[in-house]
Each structure stands twice: as structure tokens, then as C-alpha cells.
Amino acid sequence: MLPWVIIQYDLDEFPFPAIVARHVGSELSRLHERYQLERLAYGTEQQTPLHELLYSIGEPFFETYARFLRRVVRPLIGDDVIYQMRPNFRVQLPGNIAVRGFHRDRDDNHLKTEINCWLPLTPVSDTTAVWIESWEGAGDHRPAVVQPGELLVFDGSNLEHGNRESTSATTRVSFDFRVVPGSVFQPSNARSVYLGVRFQLGEYFARLEPDGAPAAPTPIDHPVPGDGRSARRR
């Protein structure tokens, strides 16, 4: 049995790739033609000018994200959904990685009850996929190859996962977020690595309200390097 679930959704109803492409002003799979990134690593994987641009995305994205949570995620999780207010954007340029080495999210203070949701915005191949072990401690990572219009659901807090160096000629862009069933949610005073916010309601998480109107994301500036050396725009 595979350690993940793939759910299909309608890109016409939830046009995430088009929204993000309009925001960055470029075809997403060709971002490598505009940007060069040093090899991403712990401490830099979310801190480049390209990530800064992605994290400045506005209302059209978050409105679609809210509808997606209500119509796609809630039926999977149950009525009481605790969700990550600001999803994470990931970029993998040719010859690069999208996240640092293989890891379990709990090692970065995440709750053990979190469920990871991963959505590619560009086509995915073996080397641009998320690689996930079969069970905790197995170490037998396999690629979960999903495409735009598909949602990958897996236990990223407890299963080791990561990705390989891309051999693709195009850029992979994705975003991901975590949800927790309300019945098992236990807030933590531990803080997230990059934003430095606590894993609590109103900081990292919010509750998806019964009326379907989730709380708006808090306006937390995503940290980026001040000297701009980790990325150069052509």
C-alpha cells in the first residue's frame, strides 16, 4: 500500500496555476529563464527573492484557497478542520532541489497530528516529486508523482520525505499546507523555523469555521535575505 493518497480536483474551479502565474508575471515552468538560485539548503530554501515574490500573493489566491479547504479538504478531514493559514511555496529549478535533505516535519517542531497537503502547479517528474518513505523508519523513499489538478495527502510529520536533484529541463512550482482534525489538535508553544510563529490558532493555524468562512491569514512578512545573494534575476 502506498503511504499517500491522491485526490483529483477541478482546475477550472480552483485555478491555482493560473493565479500564481499571473502574480509572478511568467509561465511557471519557465521561471529558470528569469531566475538563478544557489543550491537551496536549510536556512535558504524559503529565503530567496523569488520566494519573496511568491509570498506577496494576494486575495485571489487566498479566496481560492478558502474554497478549496471547504470543498475538497473538509470532506477528507471532517467538519472541524484546523488549517495552516499561509501555505508554503516551493520552487525547484533544473539542477536544484526544493527543500533541504530528507526530514520529518516533527523534527522542525511540527505537531505529530498534522496531515500534509501538496499541490503541484507545474508538471511533475520523478526527480521533481516528493519522495516519501513507506512507513516510519523504512527509509525506502519513493516518488509520489502527481500533476496539476491533483492533491497529494500524506503524513509528513512522521514519515521521512524530501526530494532529489531535478534532472528536468523545466521549473517545478508547488504549494503545500498542513491540516489537523480538530478532535486531535493540541496547540504548541514551539515556533516554526522560518516565520517564528507558534503552532497555535491565530498564529500558524486557524479553524475552518462551520459557516465556511475561514479566518484571513495574518499579515506576517515572510523573511528573505537582505543582500539578495541567494538569487539573481536575469
Protein backbone atom coordinates (compact mmCIF):
# COMPACT_ATOMS: atom_id res chain seq x y z
CA MET A 1 0.00 0.00 0.00
CA LEU A 2 1.31 3.45 -0.89
CA PRO A 3 1.88 5.85 2.04
CA TRP A 4 -0.13 8.58 0.37
CA VAL A 5 -3.50 9.41 -1.16
CA ILE A 6 -4.07 11.35 -4.40
CA ILE A 7 -7.28 13.35 -4.81
CA GLN A 8 -8.30 14.92 -8.11
CA TYR A 9 -9.84 18.38 -8.21
CA ASP A 10 -11.15 20.75 -10.88
CA LEU A 11 -8.60 23.30 -12.13
CA ASP A 12 -11.41 25.39 -13.59
CA GLU A 13 -12.94 25.72 -10.14
CA PHE A 14 -9.60 26.09 -8.36
CA PRO A 15 -7.22 27.64 -10.93
CA PHE A 16 -4.15 27.82 -8.69
CA PRO A 17 -1.57 27.58 -11.53
CA ALA A 18 -3.14 30.46 -13.44
CA ILE A 19 -3.45 32.65 -10.33
CA VAL A 20 0.19 32.16 -9.35
CA ALA A 21 1.44 32.63 -12.93
CA ARG A 22 -0.42 35.94 -13.20
CA HIS A 23 1.05 37.03 -9.88
CA VAL A 24 4.68 36.35 -10.86
CA GLY A 25 4.17 37.52 -14.45
CA SER A 26 5.68 34.43 -16.00
CA GLU A 27 4.93 30.91 -17.15
CA LEU A 28 5.77 28.95 -14.03
CA SER A 29 7.63 26.12 -15.76
CA ARG A 30 10.00 28.70 -17.29
CA LEU A 31 10.96 30.62 -14.16
CA HIS A 32 14.53 29.31 -14.52
CA GLU A 33 14.83 31.60 -17.55
CA ARG A 34 14.34 34.61 -15.28
CA TYR A 35 15.92 33.46 -12.03
CA GLN A 36 19.06 31.69 -10.94
CA LEU A 37 19.16 30.26 -7.44
CA GLU A 38 22.07 28.95 -5.49
CA ARG A 39 21.54 25.38 -4.34
CA LEU A 40 18.80 25.53 -1.74
CA ALA A 41 19.56 24.33 1.77
CA TYR A 42 18.32 24.60 5.34
CA GLY A 43 18.00 28.31 6.07
CA THR A 44 17.75 29.35 2.41
CA GLU A 45 15.05 27.10 0.96
CA GLN A 46 12.39 29.73 1.72
CA GLN A 47 14.56 32.84 1.65
CA THR A 48 15.14 33.97 -1.93
CA PRO A 49 13.78 36.94 -3.89
CA LEU A 50 11.67 34.51 -5.89
CA HIS A 51 10.08 33.19 -2.70
CA GLU A 52 9.57 36.76 -1.54
CA LEU A 53 7.61 37.43 -4.71
CA LEU A 54 5.51 34.31 -4.29
CA TYR A 55 4.69 35.13 -0.67
CA SER A 56 3.42 38.56 -1.66
CA ILE A 57 0.49 36.90 -3.43
CA GLY A 58 -2.86 38.38 -2.55
CA GLU A 59 -6.59 37.95 -2.28
CA PRO A 60 -7.38 35.92 -5.43
CA PHE A 61 -5.12 33.12 -4.20
CA PHE A 62 -6.40 33.14 -0.63
CA GLU A 63 -10.05 33.25 -1.73
CA THR A 64 -9.45 30.17 -3.86
CA TYR A 65 -7.53 28.51 -1.02
CA ALA A 66 -10.50 29.09 1.31
CA ARG A 67 -12.93 27.50 -1.16
CA PHE A 68 -10.53 24.59 -1.67
CA LEU A 69 -10.39 23.97 2.07
CA ARG A 70 -14.17 23.95 2.30
CA ARG A 71 -14.99 21.87 -0.76
CA VAL A 72 -12.04 19.48 -1.13
CA VAL A 73 -10.21 19.22 2.18
CA ARG A 74 -13.08 19.32 4.67
CA PRO A 75 -14.78 16.19 3.23
CA LEU A 76 -11.48 14.34 3.77
CA ILE A 77 -10.77 15.56 7.30
CA GLY A 78 -14.19 16.11 8.87
CA ASP A 79 -16.22 19.13 9.89
CA ASP A 80 -13.71 20.51 12.40
CA VAL A 81 -10.61 21.42 10.39
CA ILE A 82 -7.57 23.26 11.72
CA TYR A 83 -5.57 24.58 8.78
CA GLN A 84 -2.29 26.35 8.06
CA MET A 85 -3.13 29.98 7.35
CA ARG A 86 -0.25 30.69 4.99
CA PRO A 87 0.63 27.82 2.65
CA ASN A 88 4.29 27.22 1.78
CA PHE A 89 5.51 27.84 -1.75
CA ARG A 90 8.25 25.58 -3.15
CA VAL A 91 10.34 26.14 -6.25
CA GLN A 92 12.66 23.60 -7.86
CA LEU A 93 14.79 24.86 -10.72
CA PRO A 94 16.63 22.48 -13.07
CA GLY A 95 19.65 21.00 -11.32
CA ASN A 96 18.41 22.16 -7.91
CA ILE A 97 16.25 20.92 -5.04
CA ALA A 98 13.11 22.41 -3.50
CA VAL A 99 13.73 21.51 0.15
CA ARG A 100 16.83 20.60 2.10
CA GLY A 101 17.58 16.93 2.79
CA PHE A 102 15.12 14.25 3.80
CA HIS A 103 13.33 15.02 7.04
CA ARG A 104 10.24 14.57 9.18
CA ASP A 105 8.30 17.74 9.89
CA ARG A 106 8.07 16.94 13.59
CA ASP A 107 11.85 17.46 13.74
CA ASP A 108 11.11 21.13 12.99
CA ASN A 109 8.62 21.42 15.87
CA HIS A 110 5.52 20.49 13.87
CA LEU A 111 2.62 18.71 15.53
CA LYS A 112 2.64 14.93 15.12
CA THR A 113 -1.05 15.02 14.21
CA GLU A 114 -0.59 17.24 11.14
CA ILE A 115 -1.61 15.98 7.70
CA ASN A 116 0.36 17.33 4.73
CA CYS A 117 -1.39 18.50 1.55
CA TRP A 118 0.82 19.13 -1.52
CA LEU A 119 -0.34 20.65 -4.81
CA PRO A 120 1.92 20.97 -7.86
CA LEU A 121 1.35 23.97 -10.09
CA THR A 122 3.51 22.62 -12.93
CA PRO A 123 4.08 19.14 -14.40
CA VAL A 124 5.98 16.76 -12.10
CA SER A 125 8.51 14.02 -12.90
CA ASP A 126 10.32 11.54 -10.68
CA THR A 127 13.07 13.98 -9.74
CA THR A 128 10.71 16.88 -9.08
CA ALA A 129 8.27 14.85 -7.00
CA VAL A 130 8.05 14.49 -3.24
CA TRP A 131 9.80 11.26 -2.19
CA ILE A 132 8.20 9.56 0.83
CA GLU A 133 9.15 6.50 2.88
CA SER A 134 6.62 3.66 3.18
CA TRP A 135 6.43 3.67 6.98
CA GLU A 136 8.25 5.41 9.77
CA GLY A 137 11.90 4.38 9.71
CA ALA A 138 11.69 2.40 6.45
CA GLY A 139 13.98 4.77 4.54
CA ASP A 140 12.67 3.36 1.23
CA HIS A 141 11.71 6.69 -0.32
CA ARG A 142 9.57 6.54 -3.45
CA PRO A 143 8.39 9.39 -5.68
CA ALA A 144 4.76 10.50 -5.41
CA VAL A 145 4.28 11.75 -8.97
CA VAL A 146 1.18 13.93 -9.12
CA GLN A 147 0.17 16.58 -11.62
CA PRO A 148 -1.68 19.91 -11.60
CA GLY A 149 -5.28 19.17 -10.67
CA GLU A 150 -4.24 16.56 -8.12
CA LEU A 151 -3.80 16.86 -4.36
CA LEU A 152 -1.22 14.68 -2.59
CA VAL A 153 -2.09 13.84 1.03
CA PHE A 154 0.49 12.20 3.31
CA ASP A 155 1.84 12.02 6.86
CA GLY A 156 4.78 14.39 6.51
CA SER A 157 5.14 14.93 10.22
CA ASN A 158 6.08 11.31 10.86
CA LEU A 159 7.21 9.89 7.51
CA GLU A 160 10.60 10.95 6.19
CA HIS A 161 10.29 12.82 2.92
CA GLY A 162 12.20 15.17 0.65
CA ASN A 163 13.23 15.38 -2.97
CA ARG A 164 16.06 14.65 -5.40
CA GLU A 165 18.09 17.00 -7.56
CA SER A 166 15.99 17.83 -10.59
CA THR A 167 17.02 16.41 -13.95
CA SER A 168 14.05 18.13 -15.59
CA ALA A 169 14.58 20.93 -18.11
CA THR A 170 11.73 22.94 -16.59
CA THR A 171 10.92 24.54 -13.25
CA ARG A 172 8.64 22.85 -10.74
CA VAL A 173 6.45 25.13 -8.60
CA SER A 174 4.14 23.84 -5.88
CA PHE A 175 2.49 24.87 -2.67
CA ASP A 176 1.65 22.87 0.41
CA PHE A 177 -0.11 23.24 3.71
CA ARG A 178 -0.97 21.24 6.80
CA VAL A 179 -4.29 20.45 8.39
CA VAL A 180 -5.22 18.81 11.69
CA PRO A 181 -8.57 17.27 12.65
CA GLY A 182 -9.95 19.43 15.42
CA SER A 183 -10.51 16.41 17.66
CA VAL A 184 -6.75 15.78 17.95
CA PHE A 185 -5.42 19.33 17.74
CA GLN A 186 -3.19 20.30 20.64
CA PRO A 187 -1.57 23.74 20.24
CA SER A 188 2.11 24.10 20.92
CA ASN A 189 4.32 26.97 22.07
CA ALA A 190 7.08 25.72 19.79
CA ARG A 191 7.77 28.01 16.85
CA SER A 192 8.02 27.45 13.12
CA VAL A 193 11.51 27.59 11.64
CA TYR A 194 11.10 30.43 9.15
CA LEU A 195 8.21 32.56 10.39
CA GLY A 196 8.93 32.05 14.07
CA VAL A 197 5.23 31.79 14.95
CA ARG A 198 3.75 29.34 17.42
CA PHE A 199 1.73 26.32 16.32
CA GLN A 200 -1.44 27.82 17.76
CA LEU A 201 -4.73 29.21 16.48
CA GLY A 202 -4.29 32.76 15.31
CA GLU A 203 -0.60 32.29 14.57
CA TYR A 204 0.33 29.29 12.41
CA PHE A 205 -3.16 27.78 12.33
CA ALA A 206 -6.79 28.84 12.07
CA ARG A 207 -10.06 26.94 12.45
CA LEU A 208 -12.17 26.48 9.34
CA GLU A 209 -15.45 27.90 10.61
CA PRO A 210 -18.69 25.91 10.24
CA ASP A 211 -20.15 28.61 8.01
CA GLY A 212 -17.26 28.07 5.58
CA ALA A 213 -15.60 31.43 6.11
CA PRO A 214 -12.03 30.80 7.28
CA ALA A 215 -10.10 33.44 9.14
CA ALA A 216 -7.96 35.67 6.94
CA PRO A 217 -4.23 34.96 7.00
CA THR A 218 -2.29 37.13 9.40
CA PRO A 219 -0.09 39.67 7.59
CA ILE A 220 3.23 38.13 8.61
CA ASP A 221 6.13 39.17 6.42
CA HIS A 222 7.98 36.14 5.17
CA PRO A 223 11.71 36.57 5.93
CA VAL A 224 14.02 36.98 2.96
CA PRO A 225 17.75 37.72 2.81
CA GLY A 226 18.61 41.36 2.81
CA ASP A 227 21.59 41.16 0.48
CA GLY A 228 19.81 39.24 -2.32
CA ARG A 229 22.82 36.99 -2.93
CA SER A 230 20.84 33.75 -2.88
CA ALA A 231 19.08 34.56 -6.16
CA ARG A 232 19.87 36.60 -9.23
CA ARG A 233 17.23 37.68 -11.69
CA ARG A 234 18.27 37.65 -15.31
